[in-house]
PDB file of N, CA and C in Angstrom:
ATOM      1  N   UNK A   1       0.832  -1.180   0.000  1.00  0.00           N
ATOM      2  CA  UNK A   1       0.000   0.000   0.000  1.00  0.00           C
ATOM      3  C   UNK A   1       0.880   1.248   0.000  1.00  0.00           C
ATOM      4  N   UNK A   2       0.436   2.236  -0.728  1.00  0.00           N
ATOM      5  CA  UNK A   2       1.177   3.494  -0.785  1.00  0.00           C
ATOM      6  C   UNK A   2       0.957   4.296   0.497  1.00  0.00           C
ATOM      7  N   UNK A   3       1.944   5.123   0.835  1.00  0.00           N
ATOM      8  CA  UNK A   3       1.823   5.995   2.000  1.00  0.00           C
ATOM      9  C   UNK A   3       0.987   7.208   1.642  1.00  0.00           C
ATOM     10  N   UNK A   4       0.127   7.604   2.572  1.00  0.00           N
ATOM     11  CA  UNK A   4      -0.755   8.753   2.375  1.00  0.00           C
ATOM     12  C   UNK A   4      -0.192   9.929   3.159  1.00  0.00           C
ATOM     13  N   UNK A   5      -0.013  11.044   2.457  1.00  0.00           N
ATOM     14  CA  UNK A   5       0.438  12.283   3.103  1.00  0.00           C
ATOM     15  C   UNK A   5      -0.569  13.363   2.758  1.00  0.00           C
ATOM     16  N   UNK A   6      -0.972  14.130   3.766  1.00  0.00           N
ATOM     17  CA  UNK A   6      -1.938  15.197   3.548  1.00  0.00           C
ATOM     18  C   UNK A   6      -1.453  16.475   4.218  1.00  0.00           C
ATOM     19  N   UNK A   7      -1.324  17.519   3.410  1.00  0.00           N
ATOM     20  CA  UNK A   7      -1.082  18.861   3.939  1.00  0.00           C
ATOM     21  C   UNK A   7      -2.441  19.434   4.291  1.00  0.00           C
ATOM     22  N   UNK A   8      -2.568  19.939   5.510  1.00  0.00           N
ATOM     23  CA  UNK A   8      -3.883  20.406   5.948  1.00  0.00           C
ATOM     24  C   UNK A   8      -3.772  21.582   6.899  1.00  0.00           C
ATOM     25  N   UNK A   9      -4.955  22.058   7.291  1.00  0.00           N
ATOM     26  CA  UNK A   9      -5.084  23.161   8.232  1.00  0.00           C
ATOM     27  C   UNK A   9      -6.166  22.806   9.244  1.00  0.00           C
ATOM     28  N   UNK A  10      -5.993  23.284  10.449  1.00  0.00           N
ATOM     29  CA  UNK A  10      -6.977  23.006  11.503  1.00  0.00           C
ATOM     30  C   UNK A  10      -8.338  23.641  11.221  1.00  0.00           C
ATOM     31  N   UNK A  11      -8.363  24.701  10.427  1.00  0.00           N
ATOM     32  CA  UNK A  11      -9.625  25.416  10.188  1.00  0.00           C
ATOM     33  C   UNK A  11     -10.261  25.065   8.843  1.00  0.00           C
ATOM     34  N   UNK A  12      -9.783  24.007   8.203  1.00  0.00           N
ATOM     35  CA  UNK A  12     -10.234  23.648   6.863  1.00  0.00           C
ATOM     36  C   UNK A  12     -11.251  22.506   6.923  1.00  0.00           C
ATOM     37  N   UNK A  13     -12.515  22.765   6.576  1.00  0.00           N
ATOM     38  CA  UNK A  13     -13.504  21.678   6.593  1.00  0.00           C
ATOM     39  C   UNK A  13     -13.221  20.602   5.548  1.00  0.00           C
ATOM     40  N   UNK A  14     -12.648  20.962   4.413  1.00  0.00           N
ATOM     41  CA  UNK A  14     -12.334  19.971   3.385  1.00  0.00           C
ATOM     42  C   UNK A  14     -11.203  19.047   3.836  1.00  0.00           C
ATOM     43  N   UNK A  15     -10.284  19.579   4.631  1.00  0.00           N
ATOM     44  CA  UNK A  15      -9.222  18.742   5.204  1.00  0.00           C
ATOM     45  C   UNK A  15      -9.835  17.702   6.130  1.00  0.00           C
ATOM     46  N   UNK A  16     -10.775  18.137   6.967  1.00  0.00           N
ATOM     47  CA  UNK A  16     -11.436  17.213   7.885  1.00  0.00           C
ATOM     48  C   UNK A  16     -12.218  16.149   7.131  1.00  0.00           C
ATOM     49  N   UNK A  17     -12.881  16.523   6.034  1.00  0.00           N
ATOM     50  CA  UNK A  17     -13.629  15.539   5.250  1.00  0.00           C
ATOM     51  C   UNK A  17     -12.688  14.541   4.585  1.00  0.00           C
ATOM     52  N   UNK A  18     -11.542  15.009   4.105  1.00  0.00           N
ATOM     53  CA  UNK A  18     -10.568  14.104   3.493  1.00  0.00           C
ATOM     54  C   UNK A  18     -10.038  13.125   4.535  1.00  0.00           C
ATOM     55  N   UNK A  19      -9.692  13.622   5.709  1.00  0.00           N
ATOM     56  CA  UNK A  19      -9.178  12.750   6.771  1.00  0.00           C
ATOM     57  C   UNK A  19     -10.243  11.746   7.195  1.00  0.00           C
ATOM     58  N   UNK A  20     -11.512  12.151   7.197  1.00  0.00           N
ATOM     59  CA  UNK A  20     -12.598  11.235   7.554  1.00  0.00           C
ATOM     60  C   UNK A  20     -12.706  10.089   6.549  1.00  0.00           C
ATOM     61  N   UNK A  21     -12.509  10.377   5.280  1.00  0.00           N
ATOM     62  CA  UNK A  21     -12.505   9.312   4.273  1.00  0.00           C
ATOM     63  C   UNK A  21     -11.446   8.273   4.629  1.00  0.00           C
ATOM     64  N   UNK A  22     -10.261   8.712   5.001  1.00  0.00           N
ATOM     65  CA  UNK A  22      -9.195   7.786   5.373  1.00  0.00           C
ATOM     66  C   UNK A  22      -9.516   7.059   6.675  1.00  0.00           C
ATOM     67  N   UNK A  23     -10.008   7.798   7.665  1.00  0.00           N
ATOM     68  CA  UNK A  23     -10.332   7.198   8.961  1.00  0.00           C
ATOM     69  C   UNK A  23     -11.441   6.163   8.835  1.00  0.00           C
ATOM     70  N   UNK A  24     -12.460   6.451   8.043  1.00  0.00           N
ATOM     71  CA  UNK A  24     -13.571   5.508   7.868  1.00  0.00           C
ATOM     72  C   UNK A  24     -13.118   4.199   7.244  1.00  0.00           C
ATOM     73  N   UNK A  25     -12.005   4.226   6.537  1.00  0.00           N
ATOM     74  CA  UNK A  25     -11.469   3.036   5.874  1.00  0.00           C
ATOM     75  C   UNK A  25     -10.258   2.465   6.620  1.00  0.00           C
ATOM     76  N   UNK A  26     -10.026   2.983   7.842  1.00  0.00           N
ATOM     77  CA  UNK A  26      -8.893   2.541   8.664  1.00  0.00           C
ATOM     78  C   UNK A  26      -7.560   2.665   7.937  1.00  0.00           C
ATOM     79  N   UNK A  27      -7.430   3.739   7.162  1.00  0.00           N
ATOM     80  CA  UNK A  27      -6.189   4.005   6.439  1.00  0.00           C
ATOM     81  C   UNK A  27      -5.329   4.972   7.236  1.00  0.00           C
ATOM     82  N   UNK A  28      -4.093   4.625   7.414  1.00  0.00           N
ATOM     83  CA  UNK A  28      -3.158   5.476   8.138  1.00  0.00           C
ATOM     84  C   UNK A  28      -2.642   6.564   7.203  1.00  0.00           C
ATOM     85  N   UNK A  29      -2.575   7.774   7.702  1.00  0.00           N
ATOM     86  CA  UNK A  29      -2.057   8.882   6.903  1.00  0.00           C
ATOM     87  C   UNK A  29      -1.133   9.728   7.760  1.00  0.00           C
ATOM     88  N   UNK A  30      -0.242  10.435   7.079  1.00  0.00           N
ATOM     89  CA  UNK A  30       0.689  11.349   7.725  1.00  0.00           C
ATOM     90  C   UNK A  30       0.200  12.757   7.426  1.00  0.00           C
ATOM     91  N   UNK A  31      -0.109  13.505   8.485  1.00  0.00           N
ATOM     92  CA  UNK A  31      -0.656  14.853   8.322  1.00  0.00           C
ATOM     93  C   UNK A  31       0.411  15.898   8.594  1.00  0.00           C
ATOM     94  N   UNK A  32       0.469  16.889   7.711  1.00  0.00           N
ATOM     95  CA  UNK A  32       1.369  18.019   7.891  1.00  0.00           C
ATOM     96  C   UNK A  32       0.501  19.271   7.992  1.00  0.00           C
ATOM     97  N   UNK A  33       0.429  19.829   9.196  1.00  0.00           N
ATOM     98  CA  UNK A  33      -0.351  21.042   9.423  1.00  0.00           C
ATOM     99  C   UNK A  33       0.467  22.253   9.024  1.00  0.00           C
ATOM    100  N   UNK A  34      -0.084  23.049   8.128  1.00  0.00           N
ATOM    101  CA  UNK A  34       0.666  24.214   7.634  1.00  0.00           C
ATOM    102  C   UNK A  34       0.286  25.507   8.367  1.00  0.00           C
ATOM    103  N   UNK A  35      -0.636  25.413   9.316  1.00  0.00           N
ATOM    104  CA  UNK A  35      -1.072  26.603  10.048  1.00  0.00           C
ATOM    105  C   UNK A  35       0.117  27.335  10.664  1.00  0.00           C
ATOM    106  N   UNK A  36       0.209  28.619  10.381  1.00  0.00           N
ATOM    107  CA  UNK A  36       1.229  29.484  10.967  1.00  0.00           C
ATOM    108  C   UNK A  36       2.660  28.988  10.758  1.00  0.00           C
ATOM    109  N   UNK A  37       2.900  28.255   9.680  1.00  0.00           N
ATOM    110  CA  UNK A  37       4.242  27.762   9.411  1.00  0.00           C
ATOM    111  C   UNK A  37       4.577  28.020   7.943  1.00  0.00           C
ATOM    112  N   UNK A  38       5.237  29.113   7.699  1.00  0.00           N
ATOM    113  CA  UNK A  38       5.539  29.531   6.330  1.00  0.00           C
ATOM    114  C   UNK A  38       6.445  28.526   5.626  1.00  0.00           C
ATOM    115  N   UNK A  39       7.338  27.878   6.364  1.00  0.00           N
ATOM    116  CA  UNK A  39       8.233  26.899   5.746  1.00  0.00           C
ATOM    117  C   UNK A  39       7.465  25.679   5.229  1.00  0.00           C
ATOM    118  N   UNK A  40       6.513  25.195   6.020  1.00  0.00           N
ATOM    119  CA  UNK A  40       5.708  24.049   5.575  1.00  0.00           C
ATOM    120  C   UNK A  40       4.779  24.435   4.433  1.00  0.00           C
ATOM    121  N   UNK A  41       4.262  25.664   4.467  1.00  0.00           N
ATOM    122  CA  UNK A  41       3.418  26.134   3.359  1.00  0.00           C
ATOM    123  C   UNK A  41       4.241  26.193   2.069  1.00  0.00           C
ATOM    124  N   UNK A  42       5.456  26.703   2.150  1.00  0.00           N
ATOM    125  CA  UNK A  42       6.332  26.764   0.970  1.00  0.00           C
ATOM    126  C   UNK A  42       6.697  25.362   0.492  1.00  0.00           C
ATOM    127  N   UNK A  43       6.941  24.454   1.436  1.00  0.00           N
ATOM    128  CA  UNK A  43       7.224  23.069   1.075  1.00  0.00           C
ATOM    129  C   UNK A  43       6.058  22.478   0.277  1.00  0.00           C
ATOM    130  N   UNK A  44       4.833  22.716   0.762  1.00  0.00           N
ATOM    131  CA  UNK A  44       3.644  22.229   0.071  1.00  0.00           C
ATOM    132  C   UNK A  44       3.545  22.838  -1.325  1.00  0.00           C
ATOM    133  N   UNK A  45       3.734  24.133  -1.424  1.00  0.00           N
ATOM    134  CA  UNK A  45       3.647  24.806  -2.719  1.00  0.00           C
ATOM    135  C   UNK A  45       4.698  24.280  -3.692  1.00  0.00           C
ATOM    136  N   UNK A  46       5.900  24.017  -3.201  1.00  0.00           N
ATOM    137  CA  UNK A  46       6.960  23.481  -4.058  1.00  0.00           C
ATOM    138  C   UNK A  46       6.614  22.090  -4.574  1.00  0.00           C
ATOM    139  N   UNK A  47       5.991  21.285  -3.737  1.00  0.00           N
ATOM    140  CA  UNK A  47       5.660  19.919  -4.127  1.00  0.00           C
ATOM    141  C   UNK A  47       4.404  19.833  -4.996  1.00  0.00           C
ATOM    142  N   UNK A  48       3.632  20.921  -5.045  1.00  0.00           N
ATOM    143  CA  UNK A  48       2.365  20.905  -5.793  1.00  0.00           C
ATOM    144  C   UNK A  48       2.370  21.891  -6.951  1.00  0.00           C
ATOM    145  N   UNK A  49       3.538  22.318  -7.364  1.00  0.00           N
ATOM    146  CA  UNK A  49       3.668  23.289  -8.459  1.00  0.00           C
ATOM    147  C   UNK A  49       2.893  24.572  -8.175  1.00  0.00           C
ATOM    148  N   UNK A  50       2.979  25.026  -6.912  1.00  0.00           N
ATOM    149  CA  UNK A  50       2.431  26.326  -6.559  1.00  0.00           C
ATOM    150  C   UNK A  50       1.028  26.351  -5.994  1.00  0.00           C
ATOM    151  N   UNK A  51       0.408  25.207  -5.777  1.00  0.00           N
ATOM    152  CA  UNK A  51      -0.951  25.212  -5.214  1.00  0.00           C
ATOM    153  C   UNK A  51      -0.907  25.733  -3.789  1.00  0.00           C
ATOM    154  N   UNK A  52      -1.868  26.587  -3.463  1.00  0.00           N
ATOM    155  CA  UNK A  52      -1.882  27.249  -2.172  1.00  0.00           C
ATOM    156  C   UNK A  52      -3.019  26.789  -1.273  1.00  0.00           C
ATOM    157  N   UNK A  53      -3.913  25.958  -1.798  1.00  0.00           N
ATOM    158  CA  UNK A  53      -5.076  25.528  -1.017  1.00  0.00           C
ATOM    159  C   UNK A  53      -4.818  24.171  -0.368  1.00  0.00           C
ATOM    160  N   UNK A  54      -5.513  23.947   0.724  1.00  0.00           N
ATOM    161  CA  UNK A  54      -5.464  22.658   1.405  1.00  0.00           C
ATOM    162  C   UNK A  54      -6.858  22.040   1.372  1.00  0.00           C
ATOM    163  N   UNK A  55      -6.936  20.732   1.442  1.00  0.00           N
ATOM    164  CA  UNK A  55      -5.832  19.804   1.569  1.00  0.00           C
ATOM    165  C   UNK A  55      -5.114  19.585   0.249  1.00  0.00           C
ATOM    166  N   UNK A  56      -3.874  19.162   0.348  1.00  0.00           N
ATOM    167  CA  UNK A  56      -3.115  18.642  -0.792  1.00  0.00           C
ATOM    168  C   UNK A  56      -2.697  17.238  -0.377  1.00  0.00           C
ATOM    169  N   UNK A  57      -3.090  16.259  -1.174  1.00  0.00           N
ATOM    170  CA  UNK A  57      -2.963  14.861  -0.798  1.00  0.00           C
ATOM    171  C   UNK A  57      -2.011  14.146  -1.751  1.00  0.00           C
ATOM    172  N   UNK A  58      -1.124  13.361  -1.163  1.00  0.00           N
ATOM    173  CA  UNK A  58      -0.168  12.556  -1.923  1.00  0.00           C
ATOM    174  C   UNK A  58      -0.333  11.096  -1.552  1.00  0.00           C
ATOM    175  N   UNK A  59      -0.217  10.216  -2.550  1.00  0.00           N
ATOM    176  CA  UNK A  59      -0.057   8.787  -2.324  1.00  0.00           C
ATOM    177  C   UNK A  59       1.366   8.491  -2.757  1.00  0.00           C
ATOM    178  N   UNK A  60       2.215   8.116  -1.812  1.00  0.00           N
ATOM    179  CA  UNK A  60       3.658   8.080  -1.999  1.00  0.00           C
ATOM    180  C   UNK A  60       4.075   9.471  -2.483  1.00  0.00           C
ATOM    181  N   UNK A  61       4.742   9.582  -3.605  1.00  0.00           N
ATOM    182  CA  UNK A  61       5.159  10.901  -4.096  1.00  0.00           C
ATOM    183  C   UNK A  61       4.250  11.431  -5.186  1.00  0.00           C
ATOM    184  N   UNK A  62       3.133  10.755  -5.433  1.00  0.00           N
ATOM    185  CA  UNK A  62       2.201  11.175  -6.476  1.00  0.00           C
ATOM    186  C   UNK A  62       1.147  12.119  -5.906  1.00  0.00           C
ATOM    187  N   UNK A  63       1.071  13.308  -6.469  1.00  0.00           N
ATOM    188  CA  UNK A  63       0.063  14.267  -6.042  1.00  0.00           C
ATOM    189  C   UNK A  63      -1.309  13.821  -6.538  1.00  0.00           C
ATOM    190  N   UNK A  64      -2.225  13.618  -5.613  1.00  0.00           N
ATOM    191  CA  UNK A  64      -3.606  13.281  -5.942  1.00  0.00           C
ATOM    192  C   UNK A  64      -4.393  14.567  -6.173  1.00  0.00           C
ATOM    193  N   UNK A  65      -4.122  15.568  -5.347  1.00  0.00           N
ATOM    194  CA  UNK A  65      -4.809  16.846  -5.448  1.00  0.00           C
ATOM    195  C   UNK A  65      -5.508  17.168  -4.144  1.00  0.00           C
ATOM    196  N   UNK A  66      -6.640  17.849  -4.260  1.00  0.00           N
ATOM    197  CA  UNK A  66      -7.396  18.261  -3.097  1.00  0.00           C
ATOM    198  C   UNK A  66      -8.538  17.320  -2.775  1.00  0.00           C
ATOM    199  N   UNK A  67      -9.465  17.805  -1.945  1.00  0.00           N
ATOM    200  CA  UNK A  67     -10.581  16.980  -1.527  1.00  0.00           C
ATOM    201  C   UNK A  67     -11.428  16.519  -2.705  1.00  0.00           C
ATOM    202  N   UNK A  68     -11.719  17.427  -3.641  1.00  0.00           N
ATOM    203  CA  UNK A  68     -12.553  17.040  -4.787  1.00  0.00           C
ATOM    204  C   UNK A  68     -11.930  15.893  -5.571  1.00  0.00           C
ATOM    205  N   UNK A  69     -10.629  15.905  -5.713  1.00  0.00           N
ATOM    206  CA  UNK A  69      -9.939  14.837  -6.434  1.00  0.00           C
ATOM    207  C   UNK A  69     -10.021  13.512  -5.667  1.00  0.00           C
ATOM    208  N   UNK A  70      -9.841  13.581  -4.341  1.00  0.00           N
ATOM    209  CA  UNK A  70      -9.969  12.388  -3.512  1.00  0.00           C
ATOM    210  C   UNK A  70     -11.391  11.839  -3.567  1.00  0.00           C
ATOM    211  N   UNK A  71     -12.373  12.718  -3.425  1.00  0.00           N
ATOM    212  CA  UNK A  71     -13.773  12.304  -3.450  1.00  0.00           C
ATOM    213  C   UNK A  71     -14.128  11.671  -4.796  1.00  0.00           C
ATOM    214  N   UNK A  72     -13.576  12.203  -5.860  1.00  0.00           N
ATOM    215  CA  UNK A  72     -13.805  11.647  -7.189  1.00  0.00           C
ATOM    216  C   UNK A  72     -13.294  10.201  -7.270  1.00  0.00           C
ATOM    217  N   UNK A  73     -12.125   9.947  -6.693  1.00  0.00           N
ATOM    218  CA  UNK A  73     -11.598   8.579  -6.658  1.00  0.00           C
ATOM    219  C   UNK A  73     -12.535   7.644  -5.894  1.00  0.00           C
ATOM    220  N   UNK A  74     -13.065   8.131  -4.769  1.00  0.00           N
ATOM    221  CA  UNK A  74     -13.987   7.330  -3.958  1.00  0.00           C
ATOM    222  C   UNK A  74     -15.250   7.026  -4.751  1.00  0.00           C
ATOM    223  N   UNK A  75     -15.832   8.058  -5.367  1.00  0.00           N
ATOM    224  CA  UNK A  75     -17.081   7.887  -6.110  1.00  0.00           C
ATOM    225  C   UNK A  75     -16.935   6.926  -7.287  1.00  0.00           C
ATOM    226  N   UNK A  76     -15.767   6.926  -7.902  1.00  0.00           N
ATOM    227  CA  UNK A  76     -15.520   6.046  -9.049  1.00  0.00           C
ATOM    228  C   UNK A  76     -15.032   4.662  -8.633  1.00  0.00           C
ATOM    229  N   UNK A  77     -14.868   4.440  -7.305  1.00  0.00           N
ATOM    230  CA  UNK A  77     -14.393   3.153  -6.812  1.00  0.00           C
ATOM    231  C   UNK A  77     -12.933   2.885  -7.121  1.00  0.00           C
ATOM    232  N   UNK A  78     -12.148   3.960  -7.265  1.00  0.00           N
ATOM    233  CA  UNK A  78     -10.744   3.822  -7.650  1.00  0.00           C
ATOM    234  C   UNK A  78      -9.749   4.089  -6.521  1.00  0.00           C
ATOM    235  N   UNK A  79     -10.254   4.376  -5.324  1.00  0.00           N
ATOM    236  CA  UNK A  79      -9.353   4.734  -4.227  1.00  0.00           C
ATOM    237  C   UNK A  79      -8.390   3.590  -3.912  1.00  0.00           C
ATOM    238  N   UNK A  80      -8.914   2.386  -3.730  1.00  0.00           N
ATOM    239  CA  UNK A  80      -8.046   1.253  -3.397  1.00  0.00           C
ATOM    240  C   UNK A  80      -7.031   0.978  -4.497  1.00  0.00           C
ATOM    241  N   UNK A  81      -7.472   1.053  -5.735  1.00  0.00           N
ATOM    242  CA  UNK A  81      -6.573   0.829  -6.859  1.00  0.00           C
ATOM    243  C   UNK A  81      -5.434   1.838  -6.841  1.00  0.00           C
ATOM    244  N   UNK A  82      -5.778   3.095  -6.627  1.00  0.00           N
ATOM    245  CA  UNK A  82      -4.779   4.168  -6.613  1.00  0.00           C
ATOM    246  C   UNK A  82      -3.801   3.991  -5.449  1.00  0.00           C
ATOM    247  N   UNK A  83      -4.301   3.419  -4.336  1.00  0.00           N
ATOM    248  CA  UNK A  83      -3.451   3.187  -3.163  1.00  0.00           C
ATOM    249  C   UNK A  83      -2.680   1.882  -3.257  1.00  0.00           C
ATOM    250  N   UNK A  84      -2.981   1.056  -4.259  1.00  0.00           N
ATOM    251  CA  UNK A  84      -2.305  -0.224  -4.392  1.00  0.00           C
ATOM    252  C   UNK A  84      -2.851  -1.282  -3.450  1.00  0.00           C
ATOM    253  N   UNK A  85      -4.132  -1.161  -3.084  1.00  0.00           N
ATOM    254  CA  UNK A  85      -4.782  -2.126  -2.193  1.00  0.00           C
ATOM    255  C   UNK A  85      -5.572  -3.099  -3.078  1.00  0.00           C
ATOM    256  N   UNK A  86      -5.350  -4.392  -2.856  1.00  0.00           N
ATOM    257  CA  UNK A  86      -6.009  -5.406  -3.683  1.00  0.00           C
ATOM    258  C   UNK A  86      -7.481  -5.579  -3.336  1.00  0.00           C
ATOM    259  N   UNK A  87      -7.794  -5.672  -2.054  1.00  0.00           N
ATOM    260  CA  UNK A  87      -9.170  -5.939  -1.628  1.00  0.00           C
ATOM    261  C   UNK A  87      -9.871  -4.675  -1.201  1.00  0.00           C
ATOM    262  N   UNK A  88     -11.173  -4.623  -1.391  1.00  0.00           N
ATOM    263  CA  UNK A  88     -11.989  -3.481  -0.971  1.00  0.00           C
ATOM    264  C   UNK A  88     -12.001  -3.424   0.546  1.00  0.00           C
ATOM    265  N   UNK A  89     -11.760  -2.247   1.087  1.00  0.00           N
ATOM    266  CA  UNK A  89     -11.783  -2.063   2.541  1.00  0.00           C
ATOM    267  C   UNK A  89     -13.193  -1.750   2.966  1.00  0.00           C
TER     268      UNK A  89
END
């Protein structure tokens, strides 16, 4: 299974919804809170070709995008495939 990394903010409802998708499926993720941390915000922007909104979600080093992109994978039944999981969780 690929590692899940999410750049997020404490005040972002879309970040919370993305994390809930992972939590509901018992998927472990690594969260990087960018609140009040200009270095982490710049790190996120560098890794996402300048995107400034959160969440920004990665599976291993592949940028998935934001919440809408994650939700699209869920709706199409492609989340497990994208994560490299054989069986439906």
